[in-house]
Amino acid sequence: MEHDAVKTLIEAGIPGCEVHVQGEGCDFSVEVISEAFKGMPLLKQHRMVKDTVKTQLESNELHAFSIKTYTPEKWASRG
């Protein structure tokens, strides 16, 4: 898969989010920033992101997939 394809899938599944993608082939790490994560447990945030690429994970088109999620405030306070 390409960076842009991963980014597009996540953005389509979580409207209004900001996505940063690193990696290549079928091994990617993503940072996703979204208002939708406010008040949501971390596990649920990660599940929400994973659901956007569920088909690609099931087909092994996307194999290793690391997720970090942030609210806009948490992202801004990272330093």
PDB file of N, CA and C in Angstrom:
ATOM      1  N   MET A   1       0.843  -1.185   0.000  1.00  0.00           N
ATOM      2  CA  MET A   1       0.000   0.000   0.000  1.00  0.00           C
ATOM      3  C   MET A   1       0.884   1.243   0.000  1.00  0.00           C
ATOM      4  N   GLU A   2       0.295   2.323  -0.400  1.00  0.00           N
ATOM      5  CA  GLU A   2       0.980   3.614  -0.403  1.00  0.00           C
ATOM      6  C   GLU A   2       0.503   4.458   0.769  1.00  0.00           C
ATOM      7  N   HIS A   3       1.344   5.414   1.190  1.00  0.00           N
ATOM      8  CA  HIS A   3       0.984   6.323   2.287  1.00  0.00           C
ATOM      9  C   HIS A   3      -0.370   6.985   2.035  1.00  0.00           C
ATOM     10  N   ASP A   4      -0.529   7.495   0.816  1.00  0.00           N
ATOM     11  CA  ASP A   4      -1.751   8.230   0.488  1.00  0.00           C
ATOM     12  C   ASP A   4      -2.998   7.366   0.610  1.00  0.00           C
ATOM     13  N   ALA A   5      -2.890   6.091   0.265  1.00  0.00           N
ATOM     14  CA  ALA A   5      -4.042   5.188   0.348  1.00  0.00           C
ATOM     15  C   ALA A   5      -4.441   4.972   1.806  1.00  0.00           C
ATOM     16  N   VAL A   6      -3.459   4.768   2.676  1.00  0.00           N
ATOM     17  CA  VAL A   6      -3.739   4.593   4.099  1.00  0.00           C
ATOM     18  C   VAL A   6      -4.379   5.859   4.655  1.00  0.00           C
ATOM     19  N   LYS A   7      -3.794   6.997   4.336  1.00  0.00           N
ATOM     20  CA  LYS A   7      -4.299   8.294   4.802  1.00  0.00           C
ATOM     21  C   LYS A   7      -5.734   8.523   4.334  1.00  0.00           C
ATOM     22  N   THR A   8      -6.002   8.247   3.073  1.00  0.00           N
ATOM     23  CA  THR A   8      -7.342   8.450   2.502  1.00  0.00           C
ATOM     24  C   THR A   8      -8.384   7.571   3.193  1.00  0.00           C
ATOM     25  N   LEU A   9      -8.041   6.321   3.463  1.00  0.00           N
ATOM     26  CA  LEU A   9      -8.974   5.419   4.138  1.00  0.00           C
ATOM     27  C   LEU A   9      -9.323   5.918   5.538  1.00  0.00           C
ATOM     28  N   ILE A  10      -8.318   6.360   6.274  1.00  0.00           N
ATOM     29  CA  ILE A  10      -8.561   6.842   7.634  1.00  0.00           C
ATOM     30  C   ILE A  10      -9.369   8.131   7.603  1.00  0.00           C
ATOM     31  N   GLU A  11      -9.013   9.049   6.721  1.00  0.00           N
ATOM     32  CA  GLU A  11      -9.747  10.321   6.615  1.00  0.00           C
ATOM     33  C   GLU A  11     -11.200  10.094   6.208  1.00  0.00           C
ATOM     34  N   ALA A  12     -11.453   9.106   5.373  1.00  0.00           N
ATOM     35  CA  ALA A  12     -12.826   8.802   4.963  1.00  0.00           C
ATOM     36  C   ALA A  12     -13.630   8.227   6.130  1.00  0.00           C
ATOM     37  N   GLY A  13     -12.961   7.450   6.975  1.00  0.00           N
ATOM     38  CA  GLY A  13     -13.646   6.810   8.089  1.00  0.00           C
ATOM     39  C   GLY A  13     -13.813   7.698   9.311  1.00  0.00           C
ATOM     40  N   ILE A  14     -12.944   8.704   9.438  1.00  0.00           N
ATOM     41  CA  ILE A  14     -13.008   9.635  10.562  1.00  0.00           C
ATOM     42  C   ILE A  14     -12.957  11.051   9.983  1.00  0.00           C
ATOM     43  N   PRO A  15     -14.085  11.554   9.510  1.00  0.00           N
ATOM     44  CA  PRO A  15     -14.125  12.866   8.862  1.00  0.00           C
ATOM     45  C   PRO A  15     -13.549  13.965   9.763  1.00  0.00           C
ATOM     46  N   GLY A  16     -12.763  14.840   9.145  1.00  0.00           N
ATOM     47  CA  GLY A  16     -12.202  15.982   9.856  1.00  0.00           C
ATOM     48  C   GLY A  16     -10.929  15.685  10.622  1.00  0.00           C
ATOM     49  N   CYS A  17     -10.433  14.456  10.544  1.00  0.00           N
ATOM     50  CA  CYS A  17      -9.213  14.113  11.282  1.00  0.00           C
ATOM     51  C   CYS A  17      -7.978  14.562  10.505  1.00  0.00           C
ATOM     52  N   GLU A  18      -6.864  14.605  11.208  1.00  0.00           N
ATOM     53  CA  GLU A  18      -5.554  14.855  10.602  1.00  0.00           C
ATOM     54  C   GLU A  18      -4.767  13.559  10.745  1.00  0.00           C
ATOM     55  N   VAL A  19      -4.113  13.127   9.675  1.00  0.00           N
ATOM     56  CA  VAL A  19      -3.414  11.841   9.678  1.00  0.00           C
ATOM     57  C   VAL A  19      -1.972  12.016   9.222  1.00  0.00           C
ATOM     58  N   HIS A  20      -1.053  11.411   9.980  1.00  0.00           N
ATOM     59  CA  HIS A  20       0.365  11.361   9.608  1.00  0.00           C
ATOM     60  C   HIS A  20       0.726   9.886   9.465  1.00  0.00           C
ATOM     61  N   VAL A  21       1.280   9.537   8.312  1.00  0.00           N
ATOM     62  CA  VAL A  21       1.580   8.132   8.008  1.00  0.00           C
ATOM     63  C   VAL A  21       3.075   7.966   7.770  1.00  0.00           C
ATOM     64  N   GLN A  22       3.633   6.898   8.353  1.00  0.00           N
ATOM     65  CA  GLN A  22       5.019   6.518   8.101  1.00  0.00           C
ATOM     66  C   GLN A  22       5.058   5.030   7.787  1.00  0.00           C
ATOM     67  N   GLY A  23       6.056   4.634   7.016  1.00  0.00           N
ATOM     68  CA  GLY A  23       6.205   3.223   6.700  1.00  0.00           C
ATOM     69  C   GLY A  23       6.162   2.983   5.207  1.00  0.00           C
ATOM     70  N   GLU A  24       6.140   1.682   4.861  1.00  0.00           N
ATOM     71  CA  GLU A  24       6.097   1.317   3.441  1.00  0.00           C
ATOM     72  C   GLU A  24       5.611  -0.118   3.297  1.00  0.00           C
ATOM     73  N   GLY A  25       5.242  -0.455   2.094  1.00  0.00           N
ATOM     74  CA  GLY A  25       4.784  -1.817   1.804  1.00  0.00           C
ATOM     75  C   GLY A  25       3.510  -2.144   2.548  1.00  0.00           C
ATOM     76  N   CYS A  26       3.601  -3.042   3.514  1.00  0.00           N
ATOM     77  CA  CYS A  26       2.418  -3.414   4.296  1.00  0.00           C
ATOM     78  C   CYS A  26       2.641  -3.129   5.779  1.00  0.00           C
ATOM     79  N   ASP A  27       3.663  -2.313   6.105  1.00  0.00           N
ATOM     80  CA  ASP A  27       4.051  -2.001   7.476  1.00  0.00           C
ATOM     81  C   ASP A  27       3.986  -0.490   7.690  1.00  0.00           C
ATOM     82  N   PHE A  28       2.978  -0.030   8.434  1.00  0.00           N
ATOM     83  CA  PHE A  28       2.776   1.397   8.618  1.00  0.00           C
ATOM     84  C   PHE A  28       2.544   1.749  10.080  1.00  0.00           C
ATOM     85  N   SER A  29       2.903   2.980  10.417  1.00  0.00           N
ATOM     86  CA  SER A  29       2.508   3.552  11.694  1.00  0.00           C
ATOM     87  C   SER A  29       1.780   4.850  11.381  1.00  0.00           C
ATOM     88  N   VAL A  30       0.727   5.114  12.138  1.00  0.00           N
ATOM     89  CA  VAL A  30      -0.067   6.306  11.895  1.00  0.00           C
ATOM     90  C   VAL A  30      -0.269   7.081  13.192  1.00  0.00           C
ATOM     91  N   GLU A  31      -0.354   8.385  13.050  1.00  0.00           N
ATOM     92  CA  GLU A  31      -0.764   9.273  14.126  1.00  0.00           C
ATOM     93  C   GLU A  31      -2.040   9.935  13.626  1.00  0.00           C
ATOM     94  N   VAL A  32      -3.093   9.828  14.409  1.00  0.00           N
ATOM     95  CA  VAL A  32      -4.381  10.371  14.006  1.00  0.00           C
ATOM     96  C   VAL A  32      -4.837  11.374  15.067  1.00  0.00           C
ATOM     97  N   ILE A  33      -5.168  12.580  14.617  1.00  0.00           N
ATOM     98  CA  ILE A  33      -5.624  13.637  15.496  1.00  0.00           C
ATOM     99  C   ILE A  33      -7.079  13.927  15.149  1.00  0.00           C
ATOM    100  N   SER A  34      -7.960  13.845  16.167  1.00  0.00           N
ATOM    101  CA  SER A  34      -9.381  14.066  15.889  1.00  0.00           C
ATOM    102  C   SER A  34     -10.134  14.529  17.124  1.00  0.00           C
ATOM    103  N   GLU A  35     -11.063  15.437  16.905  1.00  0.00           N
ATOM    104  CA  GLU A  35     -12.002  15.866  17.951  1.00  0.00           C
ATOM    105  C   GLU A  35     -12.856  14.693  18.409  1.00  0.00           C
ATOM    106  N   ALA A  36     -13.082  13.737  17.525  1.00  0.00           N
ATOM    107  CA  ALA A  36     -13.931  12.582  17.832  1.00  0.00           C
ATOM    108  C   ALA A  36     -13.378  11.748  18.984  1.00  0.00           C
ATOM    109  N   PHE A  37     -12.091  11.887  19.290  1.00  0.00           N
ATOM    110  CA  PHE A  37     -11.473  11.095  20.351  1.00  0.00           C
ATOM    111  C   PHE A  37     -11.716  11.659  21.751  1.00  0.00           C
ATOM    112  N   LYS A  38     -12.248  12.874  21.827  1.00  0.00           N
ATOM    113  CA  LYS A  38     -12.469  13.503  23.134  1.00  0.00           C
ATOM    114  C   LYS A  38     -13.373  12.641  24.008  1.00  0.00           C
ATOM    115  N   GLY A  39     -12.899  12.338  25.219  1.00  0.00           N
ATOM    116  CA  GLY A  39     -13.674  11.568  26.178  1.00  0.00           C
ATOM    117  C   GLY A  39     -13.764  10.081  25.880  1.00  0.00           C
ATOM    118  N   MET A  40     -13.069   9.639  24.861  1.00  0.00           N
ATOM    119  CA  MET A  40     -13.133   8.236  24.433  1.00  0.00           C
ATOM    120  C   MET A  40     -11.917   7.480  24.981  1.00  0.00           C
ATOM    121  N   PRO A  41     -12.111   6.293  25.539  1.00  0.00           N
ATOM    122  CA  PRO A  41     -10.963   5.505  26.001  1.00  0.00           C
ATOM    123  C   PRO A  41      -9.999   5.186  24.854  1.00  0.00           C
ATOM    124  N   LEU A  42      -8.719   5.052  25.192  1.00  0.00           N
ATOM    125  CA  LEU A  42      -7.686   4.811  24.194  1.00  0.00           C
ATOM    126  C   LEU A  42      -7.984   3.592  23.328  1.00  0.00           C
ATOM    127  N   LEU A  43      -8.431   2.516  23.939  1.00  0.00           N
ATOM    128  CA  LEU A  43      -8.738   1.301  23.186  1.00  0.00           C
ATOM    129  C   LEU A  43      -9.817   1.560  22.136  1.00  0.00           C
ATOM    130  N   LYS A  44     -10.814   2.320  22.498  1.00  0.00           N
ATOM    131  CA  LYS A  44     -11.891   2.636  21.557  1.00  0.00           C
ATOM    132  C   LYS A  44     -11.383   3.549  20.434  1.00  0.00           C
ATOM    133  N   GLN A  45     -10.478   4.462  20.761  1.00  0.00           N
ATOM    134  CA  GLN A  45      -9.876   5.331  19.734  1.00  0.00           C
ATOM    135  C   GLN A  45      -9.132   4.483  18.711  1.00  0.00           C
ATOM    136  N   HIS A  46      -8.330   3.549  19.204  1.00  0.00           N
ATOM    137  CA  HIS A  46      -7.544   2.696  18.305  1.00  0.00           C
ATOM    138  C   HIS A  46      -8.449   1.789  17.470  1.00  0.00           C
ATOM    139  N   ARG A  47      -9.496   1.283  18.087  1.00  0.00           N
ATOM    140  CA  ARG A  47     -10.447   0.443  17.356  1.00  0.00           C
ATOM    141  C   ARG A  47     -11.115   1.246  16.241  1.00  0.00           C
ATOM    142  N   MET A  48     -11.428   2.505  16.532  1.00  0.00           N
ATOM    143  CA  MET A  48     -12.062   3.382  15.539  1.00  0.00           C
ATOM    144  C   MET A  48     -11.152   3.550  14.316  1.00  0.00           C
ATOM    145  N   VAL A  49      -9.853   3.743  14.566  1.00  0.00           N
ATOM    146  CA  VAL A  49      -8.891   3.883  13.465  1.00  0.00           C
ATOM    147  C   VAL A  49      -8.748   2.553  12.722  1.00  0.00           C
ATOM    148  N   LYS A  50      -8.598   1.476  13.473  1.00  0.00           N
ATOM    149  CA  LYS A  50      -8.418   0.152  12.864  1.00  0.00           C
ATOM    150  C   LYS A  50      -9.607  -0.227  11.986  1.00  0.00           C
ATOM    151  N   ASP A  51     -10.800   0.163  12.381  1.00  0.00           N
ATOM    152  CA  ASP A  51     -11.990  -0.132  11.587  1.00  0.00           C
ATOM    153  C   ASP A  51     -11.950   0.516  10.202  1.00  0.00           C
ATOM    154  N   THR A  52     -11.206   1.623  10.062  1.00  0.00           N
ATOM    155  CA  THR A  52     -11.137   2.305   8.762  1.00  0.00           C
ATOM    156  C   THR A  52     -10.305   1.525   7.747  1.00  0.00           C
ATOM    157  N   VAL A  53      -9.448   0.628   8.236  1.00  0.00           N
ATOM    158  CA  VAL A  53      -8.593  -0.173   7.341  1.00  0.00           C
ATOM    159  C   VAL A  53      -8.822  -1.670   7.554  1.00  0.00           C
ATOM    160  N   LYS A  54      -9.978  -2.003   8.074  1.00  0.00           N
ATOM    161  CA  LYS A  54     -10.307  -3.389   8.417  1.00  0.00           C
ATOM    162  C   LYS A  54     -10.143  -4.339   7.224  1.00  0.00           C
ATOM    163  N   THR A  55     -10.657  -3.958   6.075  1.00  0.00           N
ATOM    164  CA  THR A  55     -10.577  -4.802   4.881  1.00  0.00           C
ATOM    165  C   THR A  55      -9.126  -5.063   4.496  1.00  0.00           C
ATOM    166  N   GLN A  56      -8.290  -4.034   4.559  1.00  0.00           N
ATOM    167  CA  GLN A  56      -6.883  -4.168   4.186  1.00  0.00           C
ATOM    168  C   GLN A  56      -6.123  -5.031   5.203  1.00  0.00           C
ATOM    169  N   LEU A  57      -6.489  -4.939   6.472  1.00  0.00           N
ATOM    170  CA  LEU A  57      -5.866  -5.783   7.491  1.00  0.00           C
ATOM    171  C   LEU A  57      -6.267  -7.242   7.306  1.00  0.00           C
ATOM    172  N   GLU A  58      -7.527  -7.482   7.021  1.00  0.00           N
ATOM    173  CA  GLU A  58      -8.018  -8.846   6.832  1.00  0.00           C
ATOM    174  C   GLU A  58      -7.415  -9.515   5.600  1.00  0.00           C
ATOM    175  N   SER A  59      -7.125  -8.731   4.573  1.00  0.00           N
ATOM    176  CA  SER A  59      -6.559  -9.283   3.334  1.00  0.00           C
ATOM    177  C   SER A  59      -5.029  -9.329   3.368  1.00  0.00           C
ATOM    178  N   ASN A  60      -4.420  -8.857   4.470  1.00  0.00           N
ATOM    179  CA  ASN A  60      -2.964  -8.755   4.622  1.00  0.00           C
ATOM    180  C   ASN A  60      -2.320  -7.777   3.662  1.00  0.00           C
ATOM    181  N   GLU A  61      -3.129  -6.958   3.001  1.00  0.00           N
ATOM    182  CA  GLU A  61      -2.576  -5.867   2.196  1.00  0.00           C
ATOM    183  C   GLU A  61      -1.861  -4.893   3.142  1.00  0.00           C
ATOM    184  N   LEU A  62      -2.377  -4.823   4.343  1.00  0.00           N
ATOM    185  CA  LEU A  62      -1.795  -4.044   5.423  1.00  0.00           C
ATOM    186  C   LEU A  62      -1.545  -5.036   6.546  1.00  0.00           C
ATOM    187  N   HIS A  63      -0.289  -5.213   6.918  1.00  0.00           N
ATOM    188  CA  HIS A  63       0.043  -6.271   7.867  1.00  0.00           C
ATOM    189  C   HIS A  63       0.372  -5.706   9.250  1.00  0.00           C
ATOM    190  N   ALA A  64       1.444  -4.969   9.356  1.00  0.00           N
ATOM    191  CA  ALA A  64       1.833  -4.360  10.627  1.00  0.00           C
ATOM    192  C   ALA A  64       1.291  -2.933  10.644  1.00  0.00           C
ATOM    193  N   PHE A  65       0.527  -2.612  11.672  1.00  0.00           N
ATOM    194  CA  PHE A  65      -0.166  -1.326  11.706  1.00  0.00           C
ATOM    195  C   PHE A  65      -0.132  -0.787  13.128  1.00  0.00           C
ATOM    196  N   SER A  66       0.690   0.220  13.350  1.00  0.00           N
ATOM    197  CA  SER A  66       0.853   0.839  14.661  1.00  0.00           C
ATOM    198  C   SER A  66       0.046   2.140  14.700  1.00  0.00           C
ATOM    199  N   ILE A  67      -0.672   2.358  15.797  1.00  0.00           N
ATOM    200  CA  ILE A  67      -1.582   3.500  15.898  1.00  0.00           C
ATOM    201  C   ILE A  67      -1.258   4.341  17.132  1.00  0.00           C
ATOM    202  N   LYS A  68      -1.208   5.657  16.933  1.00  0.00           N
ATOM    203  CA  LYS A  68      -1.176   6.616  18.034  1.00  0.00           C
ATOM    204  C   LYS A  68      -2.302   7.602  17.765  1.00  0.00           C
ATOM    205  N   THR A  69      -3.110   7.864  18.786  1.00  0.00           N
ATOM    206  CA  THR A  69      -4.240   8.774  18.615  1.00  0.00           C
ATOM    207  C   THR A  69      -4.132   9.938  19.589  1.00  0.00           C
ATOM    208  N   TYR A  70      -4.632  11.079  19.149  1.00  0.00           N
ATOM    209  CA  TYR A  70      -4.573  12.302  19.941  1.00  0.00           C
ATOM    210  C   TYR A  70      -5.825  13.145  19.713  1.00  0.00           C
ATOM    211  N   THR A  71      -6.249  13.835  20.746  1.00  0.00           N
ATOM    212  CA  THR A  71      -7.207  14.921  20.541  1.00  0.00           C
ATOM    213  C   THR A  71      -6.368  16.119  20.057  1.00  0.00           C
ATOM    214  N   PRO A  72      -6.974  17.131  19.452  1.00  0.00           N
ATOM    215  CA  PRO A  72      -6.194  18.293  19.017  1.00  0.00           C
ATOM    216  C   PRO A  72      -5.422  18.946  20.172  1.00  0.00           C
ATOM    217  N   GLU A  73      -6.018  18.978  21.353  1.00  0.00           N
ATOM    218  CA  GLU A  73      -5.350  19.586  22.512  1.00  0.00           C
ATOM    219  C   GLU A  73      -4.121  18.774  22.930  1.00  0.00           C
ATOM    220  N   LYS A  74      -4.285  17.463  22.964  1.00  0.00           N
ATOM    221  CA  LYS A  74      -3.180  16.578  23.343  1.00  0.00           C
ATOM    222  C   LYS A  74      -2.049  16.682  22.309  1.00  0.00           C
ATOM    223  N   TRP A  75      -2.414  16.749  21.030  1.00  0.00           N
ATOM    224  CA  TRP A  75      -1.426  16.892  19.962  1.00  0.00           C
ATOM    225  C   TRP A  75      -0.644  18.194  20.124  1.00  0.00           C
ATOM    226  N   ALA A  76      -1.358  19.287  20.417  1.00  0.00           N
ATOM    227  CA  ALA A  76      -0.723  20.604  20.555  1.00  0.00           C
ATOM    228  C   ALA A  76       0.187  20.652  21.784  1.00  0.00           C
ATOM    229  N   SER A  77      -0.115  19.901  22.813  1.00  0.00           N
ATOM    230  CA  SER A  77       0.656  19.959  24.048  1.00  0.00           C
ATOM    231  C   SER A  77       1.874  19.018  24.044  1.00  0.00           C
ATOM    232  N   ARG A  78       2.102  18.310  22.943  1.00  0.00           N
ATOM    233  CA  ARG A  78       3.218  17.371  22.871  1.00  0.00           C
ATOM    234  C   ARG A  78       4.573  18.061  22.950  1.00  0.00           C
ATOM    235  N   GLY A  79       4.618  19.337  22.576  1.00  0.00           N
ATOM    236  CA  GLY A  79       5.881  20.068  22.670  1.00  0.00           C
ATOM    237  C   GLY A  79       6.642  20.073  21.457  1.00  0.00           C
TER     238      GLY A  79
END
